[in-house]
Amino acid sequence: MERSRGSSFNQREDELLCRVYLEISQDPIGSNNQSLGKLWEKIENSYNEKKR
């Protein structure tokens, strides 16, 4: 059974968000010992920068 997606993001935006998340969350220096809020702040900033 296929689940329907919301309309918040299109396919391109979904892929970009995934790439940015992996890039930032797997950084051994930048992602170590930071709060969850700070992690998502970095993801949001990078996503918005690369989306342009």
PDB file of N, CA and C in Angstrom:
ATOM      1  N   MET A   1       0.842  -1.186   0.000  1.00  0.00           N
ATOM      2  CA  MET A   1       0.000   0.000   0.000  1.00  0.00           C
ATOM      3  C   MET A   1       0.886   1.248   0.000  1.00  0.00           C
ATOM      4  N   GLU A   2       0.672   2.101  -0.932  1.00  0.00           N
ATOM      5  CA  GLU A   2       1.457   3.328  -1.038  1.00  0.00           C
ATOM      6  C   GLU A   2       0.812   4.431  -0.225  1.00  0.00           C
ATOM      7  N   ARG A   3       1.630   5.122   0.544  1.00  0.00           N
ATOM      8  CA  ARG A   3       1.129   6.228   1.355  1.00  0.00           C
ATOM      9  C   ARG A   3       1.162   7.503   0.533  1.00  0.00           C
ATOM     10  N   SER A   4       0.175   8.331   0.734  1.00  0.00           N
ATOM     11  CA  SER A   4       0.173   9.602   0.019  1.00  0.00           C
ATOM     12  C   SER A   4       1.043  10.606   0.760  1.00  0.00           C
ATOM     13  N   ARG A   5       1.644  11.494   0.023  1.00  0.00           N
ATOM     14  CA  ARG A   5       2.517  12.511   0.593  1.00  0.00           C
ATOM     15  C   ARG A   5       1.743  13.800   0.780  1.00  0.00           C
ATOM     16  N   GLY A   6       2.172  14.553   1.744  1.00  0.00           N
ATOM     17  CA  GLY A   6       1.622  15.891   1.894  1.00  0.00           C
ATOM     18  C   GLY A   6       2.165  16.777   0.795  1.00  0.00           C
ATOM     19  N   SER A   7       1.649  17.962   0.686  1.00  0.00           N
ATOM     20  CA  SER A   7       2.079  18.854  -0.384  1.00  0.00           C
ATOM     21  C   SER A   7       3.107  19.882   0.066  1.00  0.00           C
ATOM     22  N   SER A   8       3.699  19.671   1.238  1.00  0.00           N
ATOM     23  CA  SER A   8       4.653  20.645   1.760  1.00  0.00           C
ATOM     24  C   SER A   8       5.918  20.743   0.917  1.00  0.00           C
ATOM     25  N   PHE A   9       6.429  19.615   0.456  1.00  0.00           N
ATOM     26  CA  PHE A   9       7.671  19.590  -0.310  1.00  0.00           C
ATOM     27  C   PHE A   9       7.439  18.834  -1.604  1.00  0.00           C
ATOM     28  N   ASN A  10       8.103  19.270  -2.664  1.00  0.00           N
ATOM     29  CA  ASN A  10       8.059  18.491  -3.897  1.00  0.00           C
ATOM     30  C   ASN A  10       9.224  17.498  -3.881  1.00  0.00           C
ATOM     31  N   GLN A  11       9.342  16.683  -4.900  1.00  0.00           N
ATOM     32  CA  GLN A  11      10.368  15.638  -4.957  1.00  0.00           C
ATOM     33  C   GLN A  11      11.778  16.221  -4.836  1.00  0.00           C
ATOM     34  N   ARG A  12      12.046  17.291  -5.571  1.00  0.00           N
ATOM     35  CA  ARG A  12      13.373  17.925  -5.545  1.00  0.00           C
ATOM     36  C   ARG A  12      13.711  18.449  -4.148  1.00  0.00           C
ATOM     37  N   GLU A  13      12.747  19.065  -3.494  1.00  0.00           N
ATOM     38  CA  GLU A  13      12.965  19.604  -2.149  1.00  0.00           C
ATOM     39  C   GLU A  13      13.179  18.480  -1.131  1.00  0.00           C
ATOM     40  N   ASP A  14      12.443  17.382  -1.280  1.00  0.00           N
ATOM     41  CA  ASP A  14      12.639  16.223  -0.401  1.00  0.00           C
ATOM     42  C   ASP A  14      14.067  15.691  -0.506  1.00  0.00           C
ATOM     43  N   GLU A  15      14.528  15.548  -1.743  1.00  0.00           N
ATOM     44  CA  GLU A  15      15.880  15.026  -1.962  1.00  0.00           C
ATOM     45  C   GLU A  15      16.932  15.970  -1.399  1.00  0.00           C
ATOM     46  N   LEU A  16      16.740  17.263  -1.588  1.00  0.00           N
ATOM     47  CA  LEU A  16      17.684  18.246  -1.058  1.00  0.00           C
ATOM     48  C   LEU A  16      17.708  18.181   0.465  1.00  0.00           C
ATOM     49  N   LEU A  17      16.555  18.103   1.090  1.00  0.00           N
ATOM     50  CA  LEU A  17      16.488  18.022   2.548  1.00  0.00           C
ATOM     51  C   LEU A  17      17.223  16.780   3.052  1.00  0.00           C
ATOM     52  N   CYS A  18      17.044  15.662   2.389  1.00  0.00           N
ATOM     53  CA  CYS A  18      17.735  14.426   2.783  1.00  0.00           C
ATOM     54  C   CYS A  18      19.244  14.570   2.648  1.00  0.00           C
ATOM     55  N   ARG A  19      19.705  15.151   1.541  1.00  0.00           N
ATOM     56  CA  ARG A  19      21.146  15.331   1.341  1.00  0.00           C
ATOM     57  C   ARG A  19      21.738  16.256   2.405  1.00  0.00           C
ATOM     58  N   VAL A  20      21.045  17.349   2.678  1.00  0.00           N
ATOM     59  CA  VAL A  20      21.530  18.299   3.684  1.00  0.00           C
ATOM     60  C   VAL A  20      21.561  17.656   5.067  1.00  0.00           C
ATOM     61  N   TYR A  21      20.505  16.918   5.401  1.00  0.00           N
ATOM     62  CA  TYR A  21      20.451  16.239   6.696  1.00  0.00           C
ATOM     63  C   TYR A  21      21.636  15.280   6.845  1.00  0.00           C
ATOM     64  N   LEU A  22      21.882  14.466   5.849  1.00  0.00           N
ATOM     65  CA  LEU A  22      22.990  13.507   5.924  1.00  0.00           C
ATOM     66  C   LEU A  22      24.334  14.216   6.000  1.00  0.00           C
ATOM     67  N   GLU A  23      24.499  15.248   5.202  1.00  0.00           N
ATOM     68  CA  GLU A  23      25.746  16.013   5.189  1.00  0.00           C
ATOM     69  C   GLU A  23      26.064  16.575   6.573  1.00  0.00           C
ATOM     70  N   ILE A  24      25.086  17.159   7.213  1.00  0.00           N
ATOM     71  CA  ILE A  24      25.309  17.816   8.501  1.00  0.00           C
ATOM     72  C   ILE A  24      25.338  16.813   9.649  1.00  0.00           C
ATOM     73  N   SER A  25      24.439  15.843   9.650  1.00  0.00           N
ATOM     74  CA  SER A  25      24.366  14.906  10.776  1.00  0.00           C
ATOM     75  C   SER A  25      25.543  13.936  10.811  1.00  0.00           C
ATOM     76  N   GLN A  26      26.213  13.714   9.678  1.00  0.00           N
ATOM     77  CA  GLN A  26      27.336  12.786   9.644  1.00  0.00           C
ATOM     78  C   GLN A  26      28.692  13.480   9.746  1.00  0.00           C
ATOM     79  N   ASP A  27      28.690  14.776   9.936  1.00  0.00           N
ATOM     80  CA  ASP A  27      29.934  15.514  10.118  1.00  0.00           C
ATOM     81  C   ASP A  27      30.473  15.183  11.512  1.00  0.00           C
ATOM     82  N   PRO A  28      31.609  14.489  11.623  1.00  0.00           N
ATOM     83  CA  PRO A  28      32.087  14.046  12.932  1.00  0.00           C
ATOM     84  C   PRO A  28      32.485  15.184  13.871  1.00  0.00           C
ATOM     85  N   ILE A  29      32.820  16.323  13.326  1.00  0.00           N
ATOM     86  CA  ILE A  29      33.224  17.446  14.170  1.00  0.00           C
ATOM     87  C   ILE A  29      32.031  18.343  14.474  1.00  0.00           C
ATOM     88  N   GLY A  30      31.315  18.751  13.462  1.00  0.00           N
ATOM     89  CA  GLY A  30      30.219  19.696  13.632  1.00  0.00           C
ATOM     90  C   GLY A  30      28.996  19.127  14.314  1.00  0.00           C
ATOM     91  N   SER A  31      28.747  17.819  14.185  1.00  0.00           N
ATOM     92  CA  SER A  31      27.526  17.256  14.772  1.00  0.00           C
ATOM     93  C   SER A  31      27.749  16.675  16.163  1.00  0.00           C
ATOM     94  N   ASN A  32      28.967  16.650  16.627  1.00  0.00           N
ATOM     95  CA  ASN A  32      29.271  16.071  17.933  1.00  0.00           C
ATOM     96  C   ASN A  32      28.930  17.042  19.067  1.00  0.00           C
ATOM     97  N   ASN A  33      28.215  16.554  20.062  1.00  0.00           N
ATOM     98  CA  ASN A  33      27.885  17.328  21.264  1.00  0.00           C
ATOM     99  C   ASN A  33      27.120  18.622  20.985  1.00  0.00           C
ATOM    100  N   GLN A  34      26.148  18.579  20.102  1.00  0.00           N
ATOM    101  CA  GLN A  34      25.307  19.748  19.891  1.00  0.00           C
ATOM    102  C   GLN A  34      23.859  19.389  20.193  1.00  0.00           C
ATOM    103  N   SER A  35      23.091  20.375  20.560  1.00  0.00           N
ATOM    104  CA  SER A  35      21.687  20.130  20.887  1.00  0.00           C
ATOM    105  C   SER A  35      20.899  19.813  19.615  1.00  0.00           C
ATOM    106  N   LEU A  36      19.769  19.175  19.800  1.00  0.00           N
ATOM    107  CA  LEU A  36      18.899  18.839  18.674  1.00  0.00           C
ATOM    108  C   LEU A  36      18.433  20.108  17.957  1.00  0.00           C
ATOM    109  N   GLY A  37      18.132  21.137  18.732  1.00  0.00           N
ATOM    110  CA  GLY A  37      17.710  22.404  18.148  1.00  0.00           C
ATOM    111  C   GLY A  37      18.788  23.019  17.269  1.00  0.00           C
ATOM    112  N   LYS A  38      20.029  22.946  17.716  1.00  0.00           N
ATOM    113  CA  LYS A  38      21.150  23.498  16.955  1.00  0.00           C
ATOM    114  C   LYS A  38      21.370  22.698  15.669  1.00  0.00           C
ATOM    115  N   LEU A  39      21.220  21.377  15.759  1.00  0.00           N
ATOM    116  CA  LEU A  39      21.357  20.530  14.581  1.00  0.00           C
ATOM    117  C   LEU A  39      20.347  20.929  13.514  1.00  0.00           C
ATOM    118  N   TRP A  40      19.076  21.064  13.911  1.00  0.00           N
ATOM    119  CA  TRP A  40      18.035  21.409  12.936  1.00  0.00           C
ATOM    120  C   TRP A  40      18.164  22.849  12.451  1.00  0.00           C
ATOM    121  N   GLU A  41      18.733  23.709  13.271  1.00  0.00           N
ATOM    122  CA  GLU A  41      18.999  25.077  12.820  1.00  0.00           C
ATOM    123  C   GLU A  41      20.022  25.070  11.690  1.00  0.00           C
ATOM    124  N   LYS A  42      21.067  24.260  11.839  1.00  0.00           N
ATOM    125  CA  LYS A  42      22.085  24.140  10.794  1.00  0.00           C
ATOM    126  C   LYS A  42      21.488  23.533   9.524  1.00  0.00           C
ATOM    127  N   ILE A  43      20.646  22.515   9.700  1.00  0.00           N
ATOM    128  CA  ILE A  43      19.997  21.881   8.558  1.00  0.00           C
ATOM    129  C   ILE A  43      19.113  22.885   7.831  1.00  0.00           C
ATOM    130  N   GLU A  44      18.328  23.631   8.578  1.00  0.00           N
ATOM    131  CA  GLU A  44      17.441  24.631   7.974  1.00  0.00           C
ATOM    132  C   GLU A  44      18.229  25.687   7.205  1.00  0.00           C
ATOM    133  N   ASN A  45      19.289  26.190   7.822  1.00  0.00           N
ATOM    134  CA  ASN A  45      20.094  27.225   7.163  1.00  0.00           C
ATOM    135  C   ASN A  45      20.739  26.702   5.885  1.00  0.00           C
ATOM    136  N   SER A  46      21.298  25.507   5.944  1.00  0.00           N
ATOM    137  CA  SER A  46      21.942  24.928   4.773  1.00  0.00           C
ATOM    138  C   SER A  46      20.927  24.628   3.683  1.00  0.00           C
ATOM    139  N   TYR A  47      19.772  24.095   4.058  1.00  0.00           N
ATOM    140  CA  TYR A  47      18.708  23.791   3.098  1.00  0.00           C
ATOM    141  C   TYR A  47      18.274  25.060   2.370  1.00  0.00           C
ATOM    142  N   ASN A  48      18.004  26.114   3.129  1.00  0.00           N
ATOM    143  CA  ASN A  48      17.543  27.368   2.523  1.00  0.00           C
ATOM    144  C   ASN A  48      18.605  27.982   1.619  1.00  0.00           C
ATOM    145  N   GLU A  49      19.868  27.840   2.000  1.00  0.00           N
ATOM    146  CA  GLU A  49      20.958  28.368   1.193  1.00  0.00           C
ATOM    147  C   GLU A  49      21.097  27.601  -0.128  1.00  0.00           C
ATOM    148  N   LYS A  50      20.985  26.284  -0.064  1.00  0.00           N
ATOM    149  CA  LYS A  50      21.162  25.458  -1.258  1.00  0.00           C
ATOM    150  C   LYS A  50      19.918  25.424  -2.133  1.00  0.00           C
ATOM    151  N   LYS A  51      18.790  25.784  -1.582  1.00  0.00           N
ATOM    152  CA  LYS A  51      17.522  25.762  -2.331  1.00  0.00           C
ATOM    153  C   LYS A  51      17.485  26.876  -3.373  1.00  0.00           C
ATOM    154  N   ARG A  52      18.196  27.946  -3.167  1.00  0.00           N
ATOM    155  CA  ARG A  52      18.174  29.115  -4.066  1.00  0.00           C
ATOM    156  C   ARG A  52      18.671  28.806  -5.429  1.00  0.00           C
TER     157      ARG A  52
END
